[in-house]
Amino acid sequence: KTPCIRVGRCADHILRERPNVINVFIYSAYEKRIENCINEFNMTFREGMIARVDRARNAYHRFYTDHNLASHSDKDLMIDSGVFGVDGAVELIKTAVKRRFSGKKCKKRKHS
C-alpha cells in the first residue's frame, strides 16, 4: 500500500502484475564476489561456496516461479556491482526509478 523495496524471495514474480514496479537484478563477476565476501563480510574463502549459494538461489527461484533467476526478459534494469559498486548501483536505481515514475501513469506489464 506504500512505497517499499522487496529484495529477493521471488519479488519479481510475486509483483509481476503490478504496474508500479521496477525489477532490478544486481550481479557481479565471480572474482569480485569472492573479494566482496572476504573484504566486506570477513568470510574465509572456500572453493565452491559462491557456486553453491548460486545454485540454491536459482533452484529456489525456479521452484516457485518456473523462471531462471537471471533471466533478462522480466528485468527492467541489470547492474554489474563489480563495475559500479554499491553507491553507483544505488545511484543507477534512483535514476531509473525517477525516470520511470516521473509523474507518468504506469502501463500494466505484459509477461509471458
PDB file of N, CA and C in Angstrom:
ATOM      1  N   LYS A   1       0.817  -1.211   0.000  1.00  0.00           N
ATOM      2  CA  LYS A   1       0.000   0.000   0.000  1.00  0.00           C
ATOM      3  C   LYS A   1       0.851   1.262   0.000  1.00  0.00           C
ATOM      4  N   THR A   2       2.107   1.128   0.439  1.00  0.00           N
ATOM      5  CA  THR A   2       3.013   2.281   0.426  1.00  0.00           C
ATOM      6  C   THR A   2       4.288   1.901  -0.317  1.00  0.00           C
ATOM      7  N   PRO A   3       5.060   2.886  -0.796  1.00  0.00           N
ATOM      8  CA  PRO A   3       6.310   2.561  -1.491  1.00  0.00           C
ATOM      9  C   PRO A   3       7.222   1.711  -0.612  1.00  0.00           C
ATOM     10  N   CYS A   4       7.859   0.734  -1.233  1.00  0.00           N
ATOM     11  CA  CYS A   4       8.752  -0.143  -0.485  1.00  0.00           C
ATOM     12  C   CYS A   4       9.742  -0.803  -1.441  1.00  0.00           C
ATOM     13  N   ILE A   5      10.697  -1.491  -0.865  1.00  0.00           N
ATOM     14  CA  ILE A   5      11.674  -2.256  -1.627  1.00  0.00           C
ATOM     15  C   ILE A   5      11.583  -3.704  -1.162  1.00  0.00           C
ATOM     16  N   ARG A   6      11.457  -4.610  -2.113  1.00  0.00           N
ATOM     17  CA  ARG A   6      11.444  -6.038  -1.816  1.00  0.00           C
ATOM     18  C   ARG A   6      12.709  -6.626  -2.426  1.00  0.00           C
ATOM     19  N   VAL A   7      13.444  -7.353  -1.636  1.00  0.00           N
ATOM     20  CA  VAL A   7      14.694  -7.939  -2.113  1.00  0.00           C
ATOM     21  C   VAL A   7      14.568  -9.451  -2.123  1.00  0.00           C
ATOM     22  N   GLY A   8      14.798 -10.037  -3.294  1.00  0.00           N
ATOM     23  CA  GLY A   8      14.810 -11.485  -3.401  1.00  0.00           C
ATOM     24  C   GLY A   8      13.464 -12.125  -3.146  1.00  0.00           C
ATOM     25  N   ARG A   9      13.515 -13.380  -2.791  1.00  0.00           N
ATOM     26  CA  ARG A   9      12.344 -14.187  -2.462  1.00  0.00           C
ATOM     27  C   ARG A   9      11.242 -14.087  -3.506  1.00  0.00           C
ATOM     28  N   CYS A  10      11.651 -14.063  -4.777  1.00  0.00           N
ATOM     29  CA  CYS A  10      10.719 -14.095  -5.911  1.00  0.00           C
ATOM     30  C   CYS A  10       9.847 -12.844  -6.025  1.00  0.00           C
ATOM     31  N   ALA A  11      10.324 -11.729  -5.510  1.00  0.00           N
ATOM     32  CA  ALA A  11       9.552 -10.486  -5.572  1.00  0.00           C
ATOM     33  C   ALA A  11       9.191 -10.123  -7.004  1.00  0.00           C
ATOM     34  N   ASP A  12      10.111 -10.360  -7.952  1.00  0.00           N
ATOM     35  CA  ASP A  12       9.822 -10.037  -9.346  1.00  0.00           C
ATOM     36  C   ASP A  12       8.618 -10.826  -9.858  1.00  0.00           C
ATOM     37  N   HIS A  13       8.491 -12.055  -9.437  1.00  0.00           N
ATOM     38  CA  HIS A  13       7.373 -12.891  -9.868  1.00  0.00           C
ATOM     39  C   HIS A  13       6.085 -12.532  -9.115  1.00  0.00           C
ATOM     40  N   ILE A  14       6.189 -12.341  -7.826  1.00  0.00           N
ATOM     41  CA  ILE A  14       5.024 -12.032  -6.996  1.00  0.00           C
ATOM     42  C   ILE A  14       4.376 -10.720  -7.432  1.00  0.00           C
ATOM     43  N   LEU A  15       5.190  -9.740  -7.792  1.00  0.00           N
ATOM     44  CA  LEU A  15       4.686  -8.409  -8.138  1.00  0.00           C
ATOM     45  C   LEU A  15       4.574  -8.182  -9.646  1.00  0.00           C
ATOM     46  N   ARG A  16       4.647  -9.236 -10.436  1.00  0.00           N
ATOM     47  CA  ARG A  16       4.702  -9.102 -11.890  1.00  0.00           C
ATOM     48  C   ARG A  16       3.497  -8.405 -12.511  1.00  0.00           C
ATOM     49  N   GLU A  17       2.352  -8.469 -11.890  1.00  0.00           N
ATOM     50  CA  GLU A  17       1.144  -7.839 -12.443  1.00  0.00           C
ATOM     51  C   GLU A  17       0.975  -6.383 -12.001  1.00  0.00           C
ATOM     52  N   ARG A  18       1.815  -5.952 -11.093  1.00  0.00           N
ATOM     53  CA  ARG A  18       1.708  -4.587 -10.588  1.00  0.00           C
ATOM     54  C   ARG A  18       2.311  -3.597 -11.578  1.00  0.00           C
ATOM     55  N   PRO A  19       1.633  -2.498 -11.860  1.00  0.00           N
ATOM     56  CA  PRO A  19       2.158  -1.533 -12.836  1.00  0.00           C
ATOM     57  C   PRO A  19       3.245  -0.622 -12.259  1.00  0.00           C
ATOM     58  N   ASN A  20       3.318  -0.522 -10.969  1.00  0.00           N
ATOM     59  CA  ASN A  20       4.230   0.435 -10.344  1.00  0.00           C
ATOM     60  C   ASN A  20       5.456  -0.239  -9.728  1.00  0.00           C
ATOM     61  N   VAL A  21       6.042  -1.168 -10.485  1.00  0.00           N
ATOM     62  CA  VAL A  21       7.181  -1.949 -10.008  1.00  0.00           C
ATOM     63  C   VAL A  21       8.336  -1.789 -10.991  1.00  0.00           C
ATOM     64  N   ILE A  22       9.536  -1.742 -10.467  1.00  0.00           N
ATOM     65  CA  ILE A  22      10.723  -1.804 -11.310  1.00  0.00           C
ATOM     66  C   ILE A  22      11.559  -2.977 -10.802  1.00  0.00           C
ATOM     67  N   ASN A  23      11.875  -3.900 -11.700  1.00  0.00           N
ATOM     68  CA  ASN A  23      12.635  -5.094 -11.343  1.00  0.00           C
ATOM     69  C   ASN A  23      14.107  -4.888 -11.671  1.00  0.00           C
ATOM     70  N   VAL A  24      14.938  -5.017 -10.650  1.00  0.00           N
ATOM     71  CA  VAL A  24      16.376  -4.797 -10.778  1.00  0.00           C
ATOM     72  C   VAL A  24      17.101  -6.093 -10.423  1.00  0.00           C
ATOM     73  N   PHE A  25      18.088  -6.438 -11.229  1.00  0.00           N
ATOM     74  CA  PHE A  25      18.941  -7.588 -10.943  1.00  0.00           C
ATOM     75  C   PHE A  25      20.368  -7.083 -10.808  1.00  0.00           C
ATOM     76  N   ILE A  26      20.972  -7.323  -9.663  1.00  0.00           N
ATOM     77  CA  ILE A  26      22.343  -6.882  -9.414  1.00  0.00           C
ATOM     78  C   ILE A  26      23.236  -8.112  -9.432  1.00  0.00           C
ATOM     79  N   TYR A  27      24.291  -8.034 -10.209  1.00  0.00           N
ATOM     80  CA  TYR A  27      25.200  -9.166 -10.364  1.00  0.00           C
ATOM     81  C   TYR A  27      26.637  -8.658 -10.330  1.00  0.00           C
ATOM     82  N   SER A  28      27.560  -9.582 -10.332  1.00  0.00           N
ATOM     83  CA  SER A  28      28.977  -9.234 -10.359  1.00  0.00           C
ATOM     84  C   SER A  28      29.776 -10.443 -10.822  1.00  0.00           C
ATOM     85  N   ALA A  29      30.967 -10.182 -11.334  1.00  0.00           N
ATOM     86  CA  ALA A  29      31.861 -11.263 -11.752  1.00  0.00           C
ATOM     87  C   ALA A  29      32.237 -12.109 -10.529  1.00  0.00           C
ATOM     88  N   TYR A  30      32.499 -13.362 -10.780  1.00  0.00           N
ATOM     89  CA  TYR A  30      32.836 -14.306  -9.719  1.00  0.00           C
ATOM     90  C   TYR A  30      33.973 -13.782  -8.832  1.00  0.00           C
ATOM     91  N   GLU A  31      35.040 -13.282  -9.430  1.00  0.00           N
ATOM     92  CA  GLU A  31      36.195 -12.797  -8.673  1.00  0.00           C
ATOM     93  C   GLU A  31      35.816 -11.638  -7.756  1.00  0.00           C
ATOM     94  N   LYS A  32      34.979 -10.739  -8.252  1.00  0.00           N
ATOM     95  CA  LYS A  32      34.529  -9.594  -7.447  1.00  0.00           C
ATOM     96  C   LYS A  32      33.661 -10.054  -6.288  1.00  0.00           C
ATOM     97  N   ARG A  33      32.884 -11.079  -6.508  1.00  0.00           N
ATOM     98  CA  ARG A  33      32.019 -11.594  -5.450  1.00  0.00           C
ATOM     99  C   ARG A  33      32.849 -12.223  -4.336  1.00  0.00           C
ATOM    100  N   ILE A  34      33.884 -12.959  -4.713  1.00  0.00           N
ATOM    101  CA  ILE A  34      34.787 -13.539  -3.709  1.00  0.00           C
ATOM    102  C   ILE A  34      35.455 -12.414  -2.912  1.00  0.00           C
ATOM    103  N   GLU A  35      35.964 -11.432  -3.631  1.00  0.00           N
ATOM    104  CA  GLU A  35      36.613 -10.278  -2.988  1.00  0.00           C
ATOM    105  C   GLU A  35      35.664  -9.596  -2.008  1.00  0.00           C
ATOM    106  N   ASN A  36      34.423  -9.420  -2.395  1.00  0.00           N
ATOM    107  CA  ASN A  36      33.430  -8.783  -1.537  1.00  0.00           C
ATOM    108  C   ASN A  36      33.167  -9.613  -0.284  1.00  0.00           C
ATOM    109  N   CYS A  37      33.021 -10.926  -0.434  1.00  0.00           N
ATOM    110  CA  CYS A  37      32.779 -11.801   0.721  1.00  0.00           C
ATOM    111  C   CYS A  37      33.931 -11.720   1.720  1.00  0.00           C
ATOM    112  N   ILE A  38      35.139 -11.696   1.208  1.00  0.00           N
ATOM    113  CA  ILE A  38      36.317 -11.659   2.078  1.00  0.00           C
ATOM    114  C   ILE A  38      36.469 -10.294   2.734  1.00  0.00           C
ATOM    115  N   ASN A  39      36.384  -9.220   1.944  1.00  0.00           N
ATOM    116  CA  ASN A  39      36.651  -7.871   2.461  1.00  0.00           C
ATOM    117  C   ASN A  39      35.492  -7.259   3.236  1.00  0.00           C
ATOM    118  N   GLU A  40      34.285  -7.455   2.763  1.00  0.00           N
ATOM    119  CA  GLU A  40      33.128  -6.813   3.397  1.00  0.00           C
ATOM    120  C   GLU A  40      32.538  -7.637   4.539  1.00  0.00           C
ATOM    121  N   PHE A  41      32.606  -8.953   4.422  1.00  0.00           N
ATOM    122  CA  PHE A  41      31.957  -9.816   5.402  1.00  0.00           C
ATOM    123  C   PHE A  41      32.938 -10.653   6.219  1.00  0.00           C
ATOM    124  N   ASN A  42      34.233 -10.418   5.993  1.00  0.00           N
ATOM    125  CA  ASN A  42      35.286 -11.134   6.725  1.00  0.00           C
ATOM    126  C   ASN A  42      35.124 -12.657   6.651  1.00  0.00           C
ATOM    127  N   MET A  43      34.666 -13.127   5.508  1.00  0.00           N
ATOM    128  CA  MET A  43      34.500 -14.565   5.331  1.00  0.00           C
ATOM    129  C   MET A  43      35.820 -15.183   4.887  1.00  0.00           C
ATOM    130  N   THR A  44      35.995 -16.423   5.220  1.00  0.00           N
ATOM    131  CA  THR A  44      37.133 -17.188   4.736  1.00  0.00           C
ATOM    132  C   THR A  44      36.711 -17.866   3.442  1.00  0.00           C
ATOM    133  N   PHE A  45      37.526 -17.704   2.411  1.00  0.00           N
ATOM    134  CA  PHE A  45      37.191 -18.293   1.110  1.00  0.00           C
ATOM    135  C   PHE A  45      37.275 -19.810   1.164  1.00  0.00           C
ATOM    136  N   ARG A  46      36.221 -20.434   0.660  1.00  0.00           N
ATOM    137  CA  ARG A  46      36.198 -21.887   0.485  1.00  0.00           C
ATOM    138  C   ARG A  46      35.779 -22.159  -0.955  1.00  0.00           C
ATOM    139  N   GLU A  47      36.534 -22.988  -1.613  1.00  0.00           N
ATOM    140  CA  GLU A  47      36.257 -23.316  -3.015  1.00  0.00           C
ATOM    141  C   GLU A  47      34.804 -23.772  -3.180  1.00  0.00           C
ATOM    142  N   GLY A  48      34.116 -23.192  -4.129  1.00  0.00           N
ATOM    143  CA  GLY A  48      32.752 -23.595  -4.437  1.00  0.00           C
ATOM    144  C   GLY A  48      31.665 -22.948  -3.603  1.00  0.00           C
ATOM    145  N   MET A  49      32.019 -22.108  -2.632  1.00  0.00           N
ATOM    146  CA  MET A  49      30.991 -21.551  -1.750  1.00  0.00           C
ATOM    147  C   MET A  49      29.996 -20.672  -2.510  1.00  0.00           C
ATOM    148  N   ILE A  50      30.488 -19.862  -3.425  1.00  0.00           N
ATOM    149  CA  ILE A  50      29.591 -18.983  -4.172  1.00  0.00           C
ATOM    150  C   ILE A  50      28.754 -19.800  -5.148  1.00  0.00           C
ATOM    151  N   ALA A  51      29.341 -20.780  -5.770  1.00  0.00           N
ATOM    152  CA  ALA A  51      28.602 -21.636  -6.704  1.00  0.00           C
ATOM    153  C   ALA A  51      27.452 -22.347  -5.997  1.00  0.00           C
ATOM    154  N   ARG A  52      27.684 -22.808  -4.769  1.00  0.00           N
ATOM    155  CA  ARG A  52      26.619 -23.483  -4.001  1.00  0.00           C
ATOM    156  C   ARG A  52      25.475 -22.521  -3.686  1.00  0.00           C
ATOM    157  N   VAL A  53      25.812 -21.307  -3.287  1.00  0.00           N
ATOM    158  CA  VAL A  53      24.781 -20.301  -2.984  1.00  0.00           C
ATOM    159  C   VAL A  53      24.006 -19.963  -4.257  1.00  0.00           C
ATOM    160  N   ASP A  54      24.712 -19.790  -5.374  1.00  0.00           N
ATOM    161  CA  ASP A  54      24.050 -19.501  -6.651  1.00  0.00           C
ATOM    162  C   ASP A  54      23.074 -20.611  -7.032  1.00  0.00           C
ATOM    163  N   ARG A  55      23.519 -21.859  -6.907  1.00  0.00           N
ATOM    164  CA  ARG A  55      22.638 -22.990  -7.250  1.00  0.00           C
ATOM    165  C   ARG A  55      21.395 -23.001  -6.357  1.00  0.00           C
ATOM    166  N   ALA A  56      21.577 -22.743  -5.073  1.00  0.00           N
ATOM    167  CA  ALA A  56      20.443 -22.742  -4.140  1.00  0.00           C
ATOM    168  C   ALA A  56      19.464 -21.617  -4.474  1.00  0.00           C
ATOM    169  N   ARG A  57      19.982 -20.440  -4.760  1.00  0.00           N
ATOM    170  CA  ARG A  57      19.103 -19.309  -5.129  1.00  0.00           C
ATOM    171  C   ARG A  57      18.342 -19.604  -6.412  1.00  0.00           C
ATOM    172  N   ASN A  58      19.057 -20.102  -7.414  1.00  0.00           N
ATOM    173  CA  ASN A  58      18.405 -20.411  -8.682  1.00  0.00           C
ATOM    174  C   ASN A  58      17.360 -21.510  -8.528  1.00  0.00           C
ATOM    175  N   ALA A  59      17.658 -22.534  -7.743  1.00  0.00           N
ATOM    176  CA  ALA A  59      16.705 -23.624  -7.520  1.00  0.00           C
ATOM    177  C   ALA A  59      15.450 -23.105  -6.817  1.00  0.00           C
ATOM    178  N   TYR A  60      15.639 -22.269  -5.820  1.00  0.00           N
ATOM    179  CA  TYR A  60      14.507 -21.688  -5.081  1.00  0.00           C
ATOM    180  C   TYR A  60      13.619 -20.892  -6.047  1.00  0.00           C
ATOM    181  N   HIS A  61      14.254 -20.016  -6.827  1.00  0.00           N
ATOM    182  CA  HIS A  61      13.500 -19.162  -7.752  1.00  0.00           C
ATOM    183  C   HIS A  61      12.785 -19.995  -8.811  1.00  0.00           C
ATOM    184  N   ARG A  62      13.481 -20.970  -9.373  1.00  0.00           N
ATOM    185  CA  ARG A  62      12.861 -21.812 -10.400  1.00  0.00           C
ATOM    186  C   ARG A  62      11.717 -22.645  -9.821  1.00  0.00           C
ATOM    187  N   PHE A  63      11.857 -23.146  -8.605  1.00  0.00           N
ATOM    188  CA  PHE A  63      10.814 -23.946  -7.971  1.00  0.00           C
ATOM    189  C   PHE A  63       9.525 -23.150  -7.824  1.00  0.00           C
ATOM    190  N   TYR A  64       9.640 -21.891  -7.377  1.00  0.00           N
ATOM    191  CA  TYR A  64       8.448 -21.090  -7.104  1.00  0.00           C
ATOM    192  C   TYR A  64       7.932 -20.314  -8.308  1.00  0.00           C
ATOM    193  N   THR A  65       8.768 -20.084  -9.318  1.00  0.00           N
ATOM    194  CA  THR A  65       8.343 -19.237 -10.428  1.00  0.00           C
ATOM    195  C   THR A  65       8.404 -19.917 -11.789  1.00  0.00           C
ATOM    196  N   ASP A  66       9.129 -21.022 -11.889  1.00  0.00           N
ATOM    197  CA  ASP A  66       9.388 -21.702 -13.152  1.00  0.00           C
ATOM    198  C   ASP A  66      10.177 -20.824 -14.123  1.00  0.00           C
ATOM    199  N   HIS A  67      10.949 -19.870 -13.594  1.00  0.00           N
ATOM    200  CA  HIS A  67      11.801 -18.995 -14.401  1.00  0.00           C
ATOM    201  C   HIS A  67      13.218 -18.979 -13.844  1.00  0.00           C
ATOM    202  N   ASN A  68      14.154 -18.670 -14.722  1.00  0.00           N
ATOM    203  CA  ASN A  68      15.552 -18.517 -14.323  1.00  0.00           C
ATOM    204  C   ASN A  68      15.717 -17.195 -13.577  1.00  0.00           C
ATOM    205  N   LEU A  69      16.423 -17.206 -12.476  1.00  0.00           N
ATOM    206  CA  LEU A  69      16.621 -16.018 -11.651  1.00  0.00           C
ATOM    207  C   LEU A  69      17.230 -14.864 -12.430  1.00  0.00           C
ATOM    208  N   ALA A  70      18.193 -15.139 -13.284  1.00  0.00           N
ATOM    209  CA  ALA A  70      18.896 -14.075 -14.009  1.00  0.00           C
ATOM    210  C   ALA A  70      18.325 -13.815 -15.401  1.00  0.00           C
ATOM    211  N   SER A  71      17.137 -14.293 -15.668  1.00  0.00           N
ATOM    212  CA  SER A  71      16.522 -14.083 -16.976  1.00  0.00           C
ATOM    213  C   SER A  71      16.386 -12.587 -17.254  1.00  0.00           C
ATOM    214  N   HIS A  72      16.744 -12.187 -18.450  1.00  0.00           N
ATOM    215  CA  HIS A  72      16.656 -10.773 -18.825  1.00  0.00           C
ATOM    216  C   HIS A  72      15.227 -10.338 -19.121  1.00  0.00           C
ATOM    217  N   SER A  73      14.380 -11.249 -19.499  1.00  0.00           N
ATOM    218  CA  SER A  73      13.059 -10.902 -20.021  1.00  0.00           C
ATOM    219  C   SER A  73      12.154 -10.197 -19.022  1.00  0.00           C
ATOM    220  N   ASP A  74      12.353 -10.418 -17.734  1.00  0.00           N
ATOM    221  CA  ASP A  74      11.466  -9.791 -16.761  1.00  0.00           C
ATOM    222  C   ASP A  74      12.181  -8.760 -15.883  1.00  0.00           C
ATOM    223  N   LYS A  75      13.334  -8.286 -16.342  1.00  0.00           N
ATOM    224  CA  LYS A  75      14.086  -7.291 -15.582  1.00  0.00           C
ATOM    225  C   LYS A  75      14.028  -5.950 -16.299  1.00  0.00           C
ATOM    226  N   ASP A  76      13.867  -4.891 -15.541  1.00  0.00           N
ATOM    227  CA  ASP A  76      13.887  -3.551 -16.094  1.00  0.00           C
ATOM    228  C   ASP A  76      15.299  -2.984 -16.114  1.00  0.00           C
ATOM    229  N   LEU A  77      16.115  -3.444 -15.170  1.00  0.00           N
ATOM    230  CA  LEU A  77      17.457  -2.903 -15.024  1.00  0.00           C
ATOM    231  C   LEU A  77      18.372  -3.991 -14.473  1.00  0.00           C
ATOM    232  N   MET A  78      19.524  -4.166 -15.102  1.00  0.00           N
ATOM    233  CA  MET A  78      20.524  -5.115 -14.612  1.00  0.00           C
ATOM    234  C   MET A  78      21.814  -4.326 -14.396  1.00  0.00           C
ATOM    235  N   ILE A  79      22.407  -4.489 -13.214  1.00  0.00           N
ATOM    236  CA  ILE A  79      23.569  -3.685 -12.837  1.00  0.00           C
ATOM    237  C   ILE A  79      24.717  -4.590 -12.411  1.00  0.00           C
ATOM    238  N   ASP A  80      25.900  -4.342 -12.952  1.00  0.00           N
ATOM    239  CA  ASP A  80      27.109  -5.044 -12.543  1.00  0.00           C
ATOM    240  C   ASP A  80      27.722  -4.263 -11.382  1.00  0.00           C
ATOM    241  N   SER A  81      27.503  -4.750 -10.170  1.00  0.00           N
ATOM    242  CA  SER A  81      28.009  -4.034  -8.992  1.00  0.00           C
ATOM    243  C   SER A  81      29.526  -4.096  -8.898  1.00  0.00           C
ATOM    244  N   GLY A  82      30.155  -5.018  -9.602  1.00  0.00           N
ATOM    245  CA  GLY A  82      31.609  -5.059  -9.654  1.00  0.00           C
ATOM    246  C   GLY A  82      32.172  -3.877 -10.419  1.00  0.00           C
ATOM    247  N   VAL A  83      31.404  -3.352 -11.342  1.00  0.00           N
ATOM    248  CA  VAL A  83      31.805  -2.184 -12.123  1.00  0.00           C
ATOM    249  C   VAL A  83      31.390  -0.898 -11.419  1.00  0.00           C
ATOM    250  N   PHE A  84      30.153  -0.836 -10.936  1.00  0.00           N
ATOM    251  CA  PHE A  84      29.603   0.399 -10.392  1.00  0.00           C
ATOM    252  C   PHE A  84      29.718   0.517  -8.877  1.00  0.00           C
ATOM    253  N   GLY A  85      29.945  -0.578  -8.172  1.00  0.00           N
ATOM    254  CA  GLY A  85      30.000  -0.545  -6.718  1.00  0.00           C
ATOM    255  C   GLY A  85      28.614  -0.363  -6.123  1.00  0.00           C
ATOM    256  N   VAL A  86      28.539  -0.434  -4.813  1.00  0.00           N
ATOM    257  CA  VAL A  86      27.251  -0.298  -4.125  1.00  0.00           C
ATOM    258  C   VAL A  86      26.674   1.097  -4.335  1.00  0.00           C
ATOM    259  N   ASP A  87      27.480   2.124  -4.106  1.00  0.00           N
ATOM    260  CA  ASP A  87      26.983   3.501  -4.249  1.00  0.00           C
ATOM    261  C   ASP A  87      26.552   3.799  -5.679  1.00  0.00           C
ATOM    262  N   GLY A  88      27.320   3.311  -6.642  1.00  0.00           N
ATOM    263  CA  GLY A  88      26.951   3.510  -8.041  1.00  0.00           C
ATOM    264  C   GLY A  88      25.660   2.794  -8.397  1.00  0.00           C
ATOM    265  N   ALA A  89      25.492   1.576  -7.869  1.00  0.00           N
ATOM    266  CA  ALA A  89      24.253   0.826  -8.110  1.00  0.00           C
ATOM    267  C   ALA A  89      23.059   1.575  -7.531  1.00  0.00           C
ATOM    268  N   VAL A  90      23.226   2.121  -6.336  1.00  0.00           N
ATOM    269  CA  VAL A  90      22.152   2.892  -5.706  1.00  0.00           C
ATOM    270  C   VAL A  90      21.780   4.091  -6.581  1.00  0.00           C
ATOM    271  N   GLU A  91      22.766   4.795  -7.083  1.00  0.00           N
ATOM    272  CA  GLU A  91      22.500   5.968  -7.929  1.00  0.00           C
ATOM    273  C   GLU A  91      21.800   5.571  -9.221  1.00  0.00           C
ATOM    274  N   LEU A  92      22.221   4.473  -9.835  1.00  0.00           N
ATOM    275  CA  LEU A  92      21.561   3.998 -11.056  1.00  0.00           C
ATOM    276  C   LEU A  92      20.101   3.636 -10.793  1.00  0.00           C
ATOM    277  N   ILE A  93      19.848   2.968  -9.690  1.00  0.00           N
ATOM    278  CA  ILE A  93      18.476   2.591  -9.348  1.00  0.00           C
ATOM    279  C   ILE A  93      17.635   3.825  -9.078  1.00  0.00           C
ATOM    280  N   LYS A  94      18.169   4.776  -8.332  1.00  0.00           N
ATOM    281  CA  LYS A  94      17.421   6.013  -8.051  1.00  0.00           C
ATOM    282  C   LYS A  94      17.081   6.748  -9.346  1.00  0.00           C
ATOM    283  N   THR A  95      18.035   6.826 -10.252  1.00  0.00           N
ATOM    284  CA  THR A  95      17.794   7.491 -11.535  1.00  0.00           C
ATOM    285  C   THR A  95      16.724   6.758 -12.330  1.00  0.00           C
ATOM    286  N   ALA A  96      16.813   5.428 -12.372  1.00  0.00           N
ATOM    287  CA  ALA A  96      15.824   4.638 -13.117  1.00  0.00           C
ATOM    288  C   ALA A  96      14.423   4.814 -12.542  1.00  0.00           C
ATOM    289  N   VAL A  97      14.312   4.806 -11.228  1.00  0.00           N
ATOM    290  CA  VAL A  97      13.005   4.966 -10.579  1.00  0.00           C
ATOM    291  C   VAL A  97      12.439   6.349 -10.880  1.00  0.00           C
ATOM    292  N   LYS A  98      13.251   7.380 -10.766  1.00  0.00           N
ATOM    293  CA  LYS A  98      12.781   8.745 -11.054  1.00  0.00           C
ATOM    294  C   LYS A  98      12.312   8.863 -12.494  1.00  0.00           C
ATOM    295  N   ARG A  99      13.073   8.312 -13.428  1.00  0.00           N
ATOM    296  CA  ARG A  99      12.695   8.410 -14.847  1.00  0.00           C
ATOM    297  C   ARG A  99      11.441   7.608 -15.149  1.00  0.00           C
ATOM    298  N   ARG A 100      11.334   6.442 -14.559  1.00  0.00           N
ATOM    299  CA  ARG A 100      10.182   5.577 -14.841  1.00  0.00           C
ATOM    300  C   ARG A 100       8.889   6.124 -14.260  1.00  0.00           C
ATOM    301  N   PHE A 101       8.975   6.705 -13.063  1.00  0.00           N
ATOM    302  CA  PHE A 101       7.764   7.115 -12.360  1.00  0.00           C
ATOM    303  C   PHE A 101       7.630   8.630 -12.222  1.00  0.00           C
ATOM    304  N   SER A 102       8.212   9.367 -13.122  1.00  0.00           N
ATOM    305  CA  SER A 102       8.178  10.827 -13.029  1.00  0.00           C
ATOM    306  C   SER A 102       6.844  11.402 -13.506  1.00  0.00           C
ATOM    307  N   GLY A 103       5.834  11.205 -12.712  1.00  0.00           N
ATOM    308  CA  GLY A 103       4.531  11.802 -12.992  1.00  0.00           C
ATOM    309  C   GLY A 103       3.736  11.118 -14.082  1.00  0.00           C
ATOM    310  N   LYS A 104       4.271  10.104 -14.700  1.00  0.00           N
ATOM    311  CA  LYS A 104       3.541   9.389 -15.750  1.00  0.00           C
ATOM    312  C   LYS A 104       2.725   8.279 -15.133  1.00  0.00           C
ATOM    313  N   LYS A 105       1.606   7.985 -15.747  1.00  0.00           N
ATOM    314  CA  LYS A 105       0.831   6.825 -15.320  1.00  0.00           C
ATOM    315  C   LYS A 105       1.550   5.589 -15.827  1.00  0.00           C
ATOM    316  N   CYS A 106       1.585   4.582 -15.006  1.00  0.00           N
ATOM    317  CA  CYS A 106       2.280   3.345 -15.353  1.00  0.00           C
ATOM    318  C   CYS A 106       1.380   2.459 -16.186  1.00  0.00           C
ATOM    319  N   LYS A 107       1.952   1.868 -17.217  1.00  0.00           N
ATOM    320  CA  LYS A 107       1.219   0.905 -18.031  1.00  0.00           C
ATOM    321  C   LYS A 107       1.317  -0.459 -17.378  1.00  0.00           C
ATOM    322  N   LYS A 108       0.253  -1.231 -17.500  1.00  0.00           N
ATOM    323  CA  LYS A 108       0.262  -2.586 -16.947  1.00  0.00           C
ATOM    324  C   LYS A 108       1.296  -3.420 -17.690  1.00  0.00           C
ATOM    325  N   ARG A 109       2.077  -4.188 -16.941  1.00  0.00           N
ATOM    326  CA  ARG A 109       3.134  -5.015 -17.511  1.00  0.00           C
ATOM    327  C   ARG A 109       2.542  -6.212 -18.230  1.00  0.00           C
ATOM    328  N   LYS A 110       3.198  -6.611 -19.294  1.00  0.00           N
ATOM    329  CA  LYS A 110       2.806  -7.815 -20.026  1.00  0.00           C
ATOM    330  C   LYS A 110       3.934  -8.811 -19.903  1.00  0.00           C
ATOM    331  N   HIS A 111       3.640  -9.954 -19.290  1.00  0.00           N
ATOM    332  CA  HIS A 111       4.643 -11.011 -19.144  1.00  0.00           C
ATOM    333  C   HIS A 111       4.115 -12.279 -19.766  1.00  0.00           C
ATOM    334  N   SER A 112       5.034 -13.038 -20.306  1.00  0.00           N
ATOM    335  CA  SER A 112       4.633 -14.315 -20.902  1.00  0.00           C
ATOM    336  C   SER A 112       4.531 -15.386 -19.854  1.00  0.00           C
TER     337      SER A 112
END
